[in-house]
Protein backbone atom coordinates (compact mmCIF):
# COMPACT_ATOMS: atom_id res chain seq x y z
CA UNK A 1 -0.03 -0.02 0.05
CA UNK A 2 1.16 3.57 -0.79
CA UNK A 3 0.60 6.02 2.23
CA UNK A 4 0.95 9.70 1.53
CA UNK A 5 1.25 12.14 4.31
CA UNK A 6 0.60 15.77 3.71
CA UNK A 7 2.10 18.15 6.28
CA UNK A 8 2.85 21.83 5.89
CA UNK A 9 6.06 21.47 7.86
CA UNK A 10 8.38 18.57 8.09
CA UNK A 11 12.01 17.79 9.43
CA UNK A 12 14.39 19.25 9.82
CA UNK A 13 11.90 21.90 11.10
CA UNK A 14 11.46 20.89 14.71
CA UNK A 15 8.02 20.32 16.04
CA UNK A 16 5.52 17.73 17.28
CA UNK A 17 3.58 17.43 13.93
CA UNK A 18 6.87 16.90 12.05
CA UNK A 19 7.99 13.87 14.25
CA UNK A 20 4.44 12.56 14.39
CA UNK A 21 4.50 12.40 10.58
CA UNK A 22 8.09 10.95 10.56
CA UNK A 23 7.21 8.17 13.12
CA UNK A 24 4.12 6.96 11.37
CA UNK A 25 5.81 7.02 7.98
CA UNK A 26 8.67 5.06 9.17
CA UNK A 27 6.34 2.48 10.49
CA UNK A 28 4.64 2.21 7.09
CA UNK A 29 8.08 1.42 5.46
CA UNK A 30 8.96 -1.14 8.28
CA UNK A 31 5.56 -2.82 7.66
CA UNK A 32 6.41 -3.30 3.92
CA UNK A 33 4.47 -0.20 2.60
CA UNK A 34 5.60 2.77 0.60
CA UNK A 35 5.46 6.22 2.44
CA UNK A 36 5.39 9.56 0.68
CA UNK A 37 5.68 12.81 2.62
CA UNK A 38 4.46 15.99 0.85
CA UNK A 39 5.57 19.28 2.48
CA UNK A 40 6.88 22.88 2.09
CA UNK A 41 10.19 23.61 0.31
CA UNK A 42 13.00 24.79 2.48
CA UNK A 43 16.18 26.58 1.37
CA UNK A 44 19.03 24.27 0.65
CA UNK A 45 17.02 21.09 0.50
CA UNK A 46 15.99 19.25 -2.69
CA UNK A 47 12.54 19.28 -4.17
CA UNK A 48 12.49 15.61 -4.03
CA UNK A 49 14.52 12.96 -2.22
CA UNK A 50 14.54 9.49 -0.44
CA UNK A 51 15.94 9.73 2.97
CA UNK A 52 17.92 7.12 5.07
CA UNK A 53 14.62 5.57 6.45
CA UNK A 54 13.31 4.96 2.82
CA UNK A 55 10.69 7.78 3.11
CA UNK A 56 10.06 9.64 -0.19
CA UNK A 57 9.95 13.35 0.44
CA UNK A 58 8.30 16.01 -1.94
CA UNK A 59 8.85 19.59 -1.18
CA UNK A 60 6.47 21.99 -2.99
CA UNK A 61 7.30 25.66 -3.29
CA UNK A 62 5.66 27.74 -0.45
CA UNK A 63 5.84 31.27 0.92
CA UNK A 64 7.16 31.46 4.48
CA UNK A 65 4.37 33.44 6.08
CA UNK A 66 4.73 34.29 9.83
CA UNK A 67 8.39 33.54 9.60
CA UNK A 68 7.91 30.11 8.30
CA UNK A 69 5.37 29.13 10.90
CA UNK A 70 2.69 29.20 8.32
CA UNK A 71 3.86 28.06 4.93
CA UNK A 72 1.43 29.00 2.05
CA UNK A 73 1.47 26.82 -0.87
CA UNK A 74 2.27 28.65 -4.10
CA UNK A 75 -0.34 28.64 -6.73
CA UNK A 76 0.17 26.10 -9.46
CA UNK A 77 2.92 24.23 -7.55
CA UNK A 78 4.16 21.40 -9.77
CA UNK A 79 2.68 18.17 -8.43
CA UNK A 80 1.57 16.26 -11.48
CA UNK A 81 4.06 13.47 -10.88
CA UNK A 82 2.87 13.10 -7.32
CA UNK A 83 -0.65 12.02 -8.37
CA UNK A 84 0.93 9.47 -10.69
CA UNK A 85 2.38 7.61 -7.69
CA UNK A 86 -0.63 5.31 -7.08
CA UNK A 87 -1.51 6.73 -3.71
CA UNK A 88 -3.84 4.33 -1.83
CA UNK A 89 -4.47 6.36 1.40
CA UNK A 90 -3.69 9.97 2.50
CA UNK A 91 -3.16 11.33 5.97
CA UNK A 92 -3.68 15.20 5.93
CA UNK A 93 -1.96 16.83 9.00
CA UNK A 94 -3.93 19.65 10.62
CA UNK A 95 -7.04 21.43 9.42
CA UNK A 96 -5.74 24.96 8.83
CA UNK A 97 -2.89 25.06 6.35
CA UNK A 98 -3.43 25.87 2.69
CA UNK A 99 -1.66 22.67 1.78
CA UNK A 100 -4.20 20.75 3.80
CA UNK A 101 -7.11 22.38 1.93
CA UNK A 102 -5.42 21.73 -1.36
CA UNK A 103 -4.64 18.02 -0.47
CA UNK A 104 -8.15 17.37 0.65
CA UNK A 105 -9.67 18.69 -2.47
CA UNK A 106 -7.28 16.76 -4.70
CA UNK A 107 -7.92 13.55 -2.83
CA UNK A 108 -11.62 14.05 -3.02
CA UNK A 109 -11.46 14.77 -6.80
CA UNK A 110 -9.28 11.74 -7.47
CA UNK A 111 -11.02 9.26 -5.23
CA UNK A 112 -8.32 8.76 -2.94
CA UNK A 113 -9.43 7.77 0.66
CA UNK A 114 -7.99 10.11 3.31
CA UNK A 115 -8.27 11.11 6.91
CA UNK A 116 -7.52 14.49 8.48
CA UNK A 117 -5.45 14.43 11.74
CA UNK A 118 -5.63 17.57 13.84
CA UNK A 119 -3.02 18.65 16.48
CA UNK A 120 -4.30 21.81 18.14
CA UNK A 121 -6.74 23.09 20.71
CA UNK A 122 -7.00 26.60 19.84
CA UNK A 123 -6.58 29.23 17.15
CA UNK A 124 -3.35 29.94 15.69
CA UNK A 125 -3.47 33.72 16.05
CA UNK A 126 -4.75 35.73 19.04
CA UNK A 127 -5.80 39.28 19.48
CA UNK A 128 -6.28 42.36 17.31
CA UNK A 129 -7.26 42.35 13.68
CA UNK A 130 -4.82 39.57 12.91
CA UNK A 131 -6.59 37.31 15.42
CA UNK A 132 -10.10 38.14 13.96
CA UNK A 133 -8.92 37.50 10.34
CA UNK A 134 -7.07 34.33 11.49
CA UNK A 135 -10.20 32.91 12.92
CA UNK A 136 -12.20 33.71 9.92
CA UNK A 137 -9.68 32.01 7.67
CA UNK A 138 -9.44 28.82 9.94
CA UNK A 139 -13.13 28.33 9.92
CA UNK A 140 -13.18 28.93 6.13
CA UNK A 141 -10.36 26.44 5.56
CA UNK A 142 -11.79 23.81 7.91
CA UNK A 143 -15.16 24.24 6.07
CA UNK A 144 -13.60 23.42 2.73
CA UNK A 145 -11.97 20.34 4.13
CA UNK A 146 -15.05 19.25 6.01
CA UNK A 147 -17.12 19.31 2.84
CA UNK A 148 -14.65 16.89 1.29
CA UNK A 149 -16.23 14.36 3.68
CA UNK A 150 -13.15 12.86 5.16
CA UNK A 151 -13.20 11.75 8.76
CA UNK A 152 -11.25 13.86 11.30
CA UNK A 153 -9.12 12.45 14.11
CA UNK A 154 -7.56 14.25 17.05
CA UNK A 155 -4.18 13.47 18.67
CA UNK A 156 -5.90 13.79 22.00
CA UNK A 157 -9.46 13.89 23.36
CA UNK A 158 -8.90 17.56 24.07
CA UNK A 159 -8.28 18.12 20.32
CA UNK A 160 -11.40 16.18 19.39
CA UNK A 161 -13.49 18.37 21.62
CA UNK A 162 -11.89 21.52 20.08
CA UNK A 163 -12.90 20.28 16.66
CA UNK A 164 -16.58 20.80 17.59
CA UNK A 165 -15.81 24.58 17.35
CA UNK A 166 -15.64 23.99 13.63
CA UNK A 167 -18.76 21.88 13.44
CA UNK A 168 -16.65 18.57 13.23
CA UNK A 169 -17.42 15.53 15.23
CA UNK A 170 -14.21 13.54 15.33
CA UNK A 171 -14.19 9.94 14.35
CA UNK A 172 -11.78 9.14 17.17
CA UNK A 173 -8.25 9.71 18.36
CA UNK A 174 -4.83 8.74 16.76
CA UNK A 175 -2.71 9.96 19.83
CA UNK A 176 0.68 11.29 19.73
CA UNK A 177 3.14 8.55 20.88
CA UNK A 178 6.73 7.54 21.19
CA UNK A 179 8.79 4.22 21.05
CA UNK A 180 10.10 3.76 24.50
CA UNK A 181 12.68 1.11 23.46
CA UNK A 182 14.05 3.32 20.65
CA UNK A 183 14.30 6.31 23.11
CA UNK A 184 16.08 4.13 25.69
CA UNK A 185 18.61 3.18 22.93
CA UNK A 186 19.14 6.81 21.94
CA UNK A 187 19.78 7.81 25.52
CA UNK A 188 22.79 5.48 25.78
CA UNK A 189 23.81 5.72 22.14
CA UNK A 190 27.35 6.97 21.25
CA UNK A 191 28.54 9.62 20.89
CA UNK A 192 26.90 10.35 24.19
CA UNK A 193 26.80 13.87 25.49
CA UNK A 194 27.20 14.35 29.22
CA UNK A 195 25.15 17.34 29.62
CA UNK A 196 25.77 18.07 33.25
CA UNK A 197 29.45 18.18 32.58
CA UNK A 198 28.93 20.19 29.27
CA UNK A 199 26.75 22.83 30.92
CA UNK A 200 28.98 22.85 34.19
CA UNK A 201 26.14 21.86 36.50
CA UNK A 202 27.67 22.13 39.92
CA UNK A 203 27.70 18.99 42.26
CA UNK A 204 24.22 18.74 43.76
CA UNK A 205 22.86 21.16 41.19
CA UNK A 206 19.42 20.96 39.64
CA UNK A 207 19.25 20.65 35.75
CA UNK A 208 16.03 21.87 34.13
CA UNK A 209 15.27 20.98 30.56
CA UNK A 210 13.04 22.82 28.07
CA UNK A 211 12.54 21.58 24.54
CA UNK A 212 10.49 23.38 21.97
CA UNK A 213 10.13 26.38 19.71
CA UNK A 214 11.31 29.55 21.40
CA UNK A 215 8.17 31.67 20.91
CA UNK A 216 6.44 33.60 23.58
CA UNK A 217 3.53 31.17 23.98
CA UNK A 218 5.87 28.37 24.98
CA UNK A 219 7.18 30.34 28.08
CA UNK A 220 10.83 29.78 27.73
CA UNK A 221 11.63 33.29 28.77
CA UNK A 222 9.36 33.11 31.99
CA UNK A 223 11.01 29.77 32.77
CA UNK A 224 14.36 31.34 32.53
CA UNK A 225 13.38 33.97 35.01
CA UNK A 226 12.17 31.26 37.37
CA UNK A 227 15.45 29.39 37.03
CA UNK A 228 17.36 32.49 37.82
CA UNK A 229 15.36 32.86 41.01
CA UNK A 230 16.04 29.27 42.05
CA UNK A 231 19.47 28.67 43.72
CA UNK A 232 21.32 25.70 42.19
CA UNK A 233 19.25 25.59 39.01
CA UNK A 234 20.58 25.36 35.47
CA UNK A 235 18.31 25.74 32.48
CA UNK A 236 19.12 23.94 29.23
CA UNK A 237 16.76 25.26 26.44
CA UNK A 238 16.83 23.37 23.33
CA UNK A 239 15.24 24.94 20.24
CA UNK A 240 15.16 28.05 18.03
CA UNK A 241 12.83 30.98 17.61
CA UNK A 242 12.43 34.67 18.13
CA UNK A 243 13.25 34.44 21.91
CA UNK A 244 16.63 32.78 21.34
CA UNK A 245 18.54 36.06 21.32
CA UNK A 246 16.97 37.21 24.58
CA UNK A 247 17.81 33.87 26.35
CA UNK A 248 21.39 34.04 25.19
CA UNK A 249 21.55 37.59 26.60
CA UNK A 250 20.68 36.34 30.05
CA UNK A 251 23.86 34.35 30.51
CA UNK A 252 24.43 31.67 33.23
CA UNK A 253 22.62 29.74 34.59
CA UNK A 254 20.51 29.90 31.32
CA UNK A 255 22.03 27.91 28.50
CA UNK A 256 20.33 28.17 25.11
CA UNK A 257 21.42 25.15 23.07
CA UNK A 258 19.86 25.90 19.74
CA UNK A 259 18.35 23.07 17.62
CA UNK A 260 19.74 19.69 18.83
CA UNK A 261 19.85 16.43 16.91
CA UNK A 262 17.09 14.13 18.45
CA UNK A 263 19.65 11.88 20.09
CA UNK A 264 20.99 14.77 22.10
CA UNK A 265 17.48 15.89 23.03
CA UNK A 266 16.71 12.43 24.43
CA UNK A 267 19.90 12.34 26.23
CA UNK A 268 19.28 15.75 27.83
CA UNK A 269 15.77 14.46 28.94
CA UNK A 270 17.32 11.28 30.32
CA UNK A 271 19.95 13.29 32.39
CA UNK A 272 17.72 16.25 33.58
CA UNK A 273 16.25 16.50 37.05
CA UNK A 274 13.16 18.09 35.65
CA UNK A 275 11.36 18.89 32.36
CA UNK A 276 9.42 22.07 32.35
CA UNK A 277 6.91 23.03 29.72
CA UNK A 278 5.17 26.24 30.81
CA UNK A 279 3.14 26.50 27.52
CA UNK A 280 0.20 28.72 26.92
CA UNK A 281 0.21 27.60 23.28
CA UNK A 282 -2.72 25.73 21.77
CA UNK A 283 -0.95 22.42 22.00
CA UNK A 284 -2.49 19.16 20.71
CA UNK A 285 -0.39 16.62 22.62
CA UNK A 286 3.25 17.81 23.06
CA UNK A 287 5.75 15.22 21.88
CA UNK A 288 8.27 16.63 24.47
CA UNK A 289 6.04 15.48 27.28
CA UNK A 290 5.83 11.97 25.97
CA UNK A 291 9.49 11.84 25.47
CA UNK A 292 10.30 13.23 29.01
CA UNK A 293 7.91 10.59 30.39
CA UNK A 294 9.59 7.85 28.44
CA UNK A 295 12.83 9.02 29.89
CA UNK A 296 11.73 9.00 33.32
CA UNK A 297 12.22 12.77 33.76
CA UNK A 298 9.92 14.41 36.38
CA UNK A 299 7.57 16.89 34.66
CA UNK A 300 6.39 20.35 35.55
CA UNK A 301 3.73 21.66 33.25
CA UNK A 302 0.59 23.57 32.54
CA UNK A 303 -2.78 21.90 31.96
CA UNK A 304 -2.27 21.79 28.19
CA UNK A 305 -4.03 19.46 25.74
CA UNK A 306 -3.12 15.77 26.13
CA UNK A 307 -1.84 16.16 29.78
CA UNK A 308 -5.10 14.67 31.11
CA UNK A 309 -4.59 11.54 29.18
CA UNK A 310 -0.71 11.08 29.61
CA UNK A 311 -0.70 12.74 33.10
CA UNK A 312 -4.12 11.96 34.49
CA UNK A 313 -3.47 13.17 38.02
CA UNK A 314 -1.12 15.04 40.39
CA UNK A 315 0.55 11.76 41.06
CA UNK A 316 2.08 11.91 37.53
CA UNK A 317 3.32 15.42 37.29
CA UNK A 318 3.39 18.72 39.07
CA UNK A 319 0.95 21.13 37.46
CA UNK A 320 1.09 24.87 37.61
CA UNK A 321 -2.05 27.08 37.16
CA UNK A 322 -0.18 29.94 35.61
CA UNK A 323 3.19 30.67 34.19
CA UNK A 324 4.36 33.60 36.09
CA UNK A 325 8.08 33.26 37.04
CA UNK A 326 7.34 33.13 40.82
CA UNK A 327 4.80 30.26 40.17
CA UNK A 328 7.25 28.24 38.02
CA UNK A 329 10.08 28.95 40.60
CA UNK A 330 7.99 27.58 43.38
CA UNK A 331 7.18 24.36 41.28
CA UNK A 332 10.81 23.92 40.49
CA UNK A 333 11.82 24.27 44.20
CA UNK A 334 9.13 21.73 45.12
CA UNK A 335 10.67 19.19 42.81
CA UNK A 336 14.10 20.07 43.95
CA UNK A 337 13.29 19.69 47.52
CA UNK A 338 11.58 16.35 47.38
CA UNK A 339 13.35 14.24 44.76
CA UNK A 340 11.72 10.91 45.98
CA UNK A 341 8.25 12.33 45.32
CA UNK A 342 9.36 13.66 41.93
CA UNK A 343 10.71 10.18 40.93
CA UNK A 344 7.49 8.48 42.09
CA UNK A 345 5.50 10.88 39.77
CA UNK A 346 7.84 10.09 36.84
CA UNK A 347 7.50 6.36 37.37
CA UNK A 348 3.70 6.66 37.29
CA UNK A 349 3.80 8.69 34.12
CA UNK A 350 6.08 6.24 32.53
CA UNK A 351 3.74 3.33 33.40
CA UNK A 352 0.84 5.21 31.82
CA UNK A 353 2.81 5.89 28.57
CA UNK A 354 3.93 2.24 28.19
CA UNK A 355 0.33 1.10 28.44
CA UNK A 356 -1.36 3.61 26.11
CA UNK A 357 0.94 5.78 23.98
CA UNK A 358 3.28 3.69 21.72
CA UNK A 359 3.79 4.15 18.09
CA UNK A 360 3.11 0.47 17.38
CA UNK A 361 -0.43 0.80 18.70
CA UNK A 362 -1.02 4.03 16.84
CA UNK A 363 0.10 2.65 13.57
CA UNK A 364 -1.87 -0.61 13.89
CA UNK A 365 -4.99 1.68 14.32
CA UNK A 366 -4.07 3.87 11.35
CA UNK A 367 -3.51 0.79 9.22
CA UNK A 368 -6.92 -0.64 10.04
CA UNK A 369 -8.55 2.68 9.29
CA UNK A 370 -6.82 2.71 5.79
CA UNK A 371 -7.87 -0.94 5.17
CA UNK A 372 -11.41 -0.21 5.93
CA UNK A 373 -11.50 3.02 3.93
CA UNK A 374 -10.14 1.26 0.75
CA UNK A 375 -12.58 -1.57 1.16
CA UNK A 376 -15.48 0.87 1.26
CA UNK A 377 -14.11 3.02 -1.67
């Protein structure tokens, strides 16, 4: 079977949707299928390639709107060869991108069965005229996709509930996930980075990790201020974005690491004393929370989407009700002062992840959806 994944952004652009696509596509190939990934062009990368995992990547010309956060497919993008690939089933990632609208209409026109997988629990833009126009656009785009009559799935129950805002009743969940065995191998893989030594964490020091885009909604700067207020804390912030320069200007104990290869991210999470995600972003189901749980790293986070499923209670993570620096500092101190309780919460989170959030289970569900859709075509 030939699976085709449509995603406005893809690796090496960092993000949860990008890794979600990569993980499911890899499992298609491992199961003996063919996997195409259709995404936006990036400077310096070829328009078409086959990567080391056997995934066939097609990059279509796009305008990098919102500093690349919202790629807009160029009109008349050359894609004739794509539709000659014998696509059996399409997975359209997220409801609001122009590429998603285009993919849904093309699949409908060509009789290709498809699903739409959504990853957010809020509007992309907030406040002012831009927020008003953004909401109007998202409803319009989702309306076009909805009329193509493909089923929608959410990466969490919270996402499924949010889809009702657009008049969509989700067919179910295809949750974000990880491969615990793969992450364990990466944590010990060579070359292995000793992050505590590299960042000069003092003996008995407390290493806090943040992984994600450095945008205001994710809260990295607020976390940095909290770390500066907490004696013995060192912050390792992996990611890029508009806040990176401000983080670098703070100096020690704040250590911006830029974009890291995935093995180094996993090693950081496996060695950190705490993973903190003080996000106010419209998350769907943050990959970093799953990876932190798989690495046994104690978690401090807001009540963002997916946390109620991965972290169903206060015995799995330490939750904060707001992202003020003083609130975050108090939470970090609580983890720092009671490491036994923090480890117990981490063990509970890891057990829940192993039971419900693995890529093997998600791929099996997606393959059955594809089989049923093709049989009913």
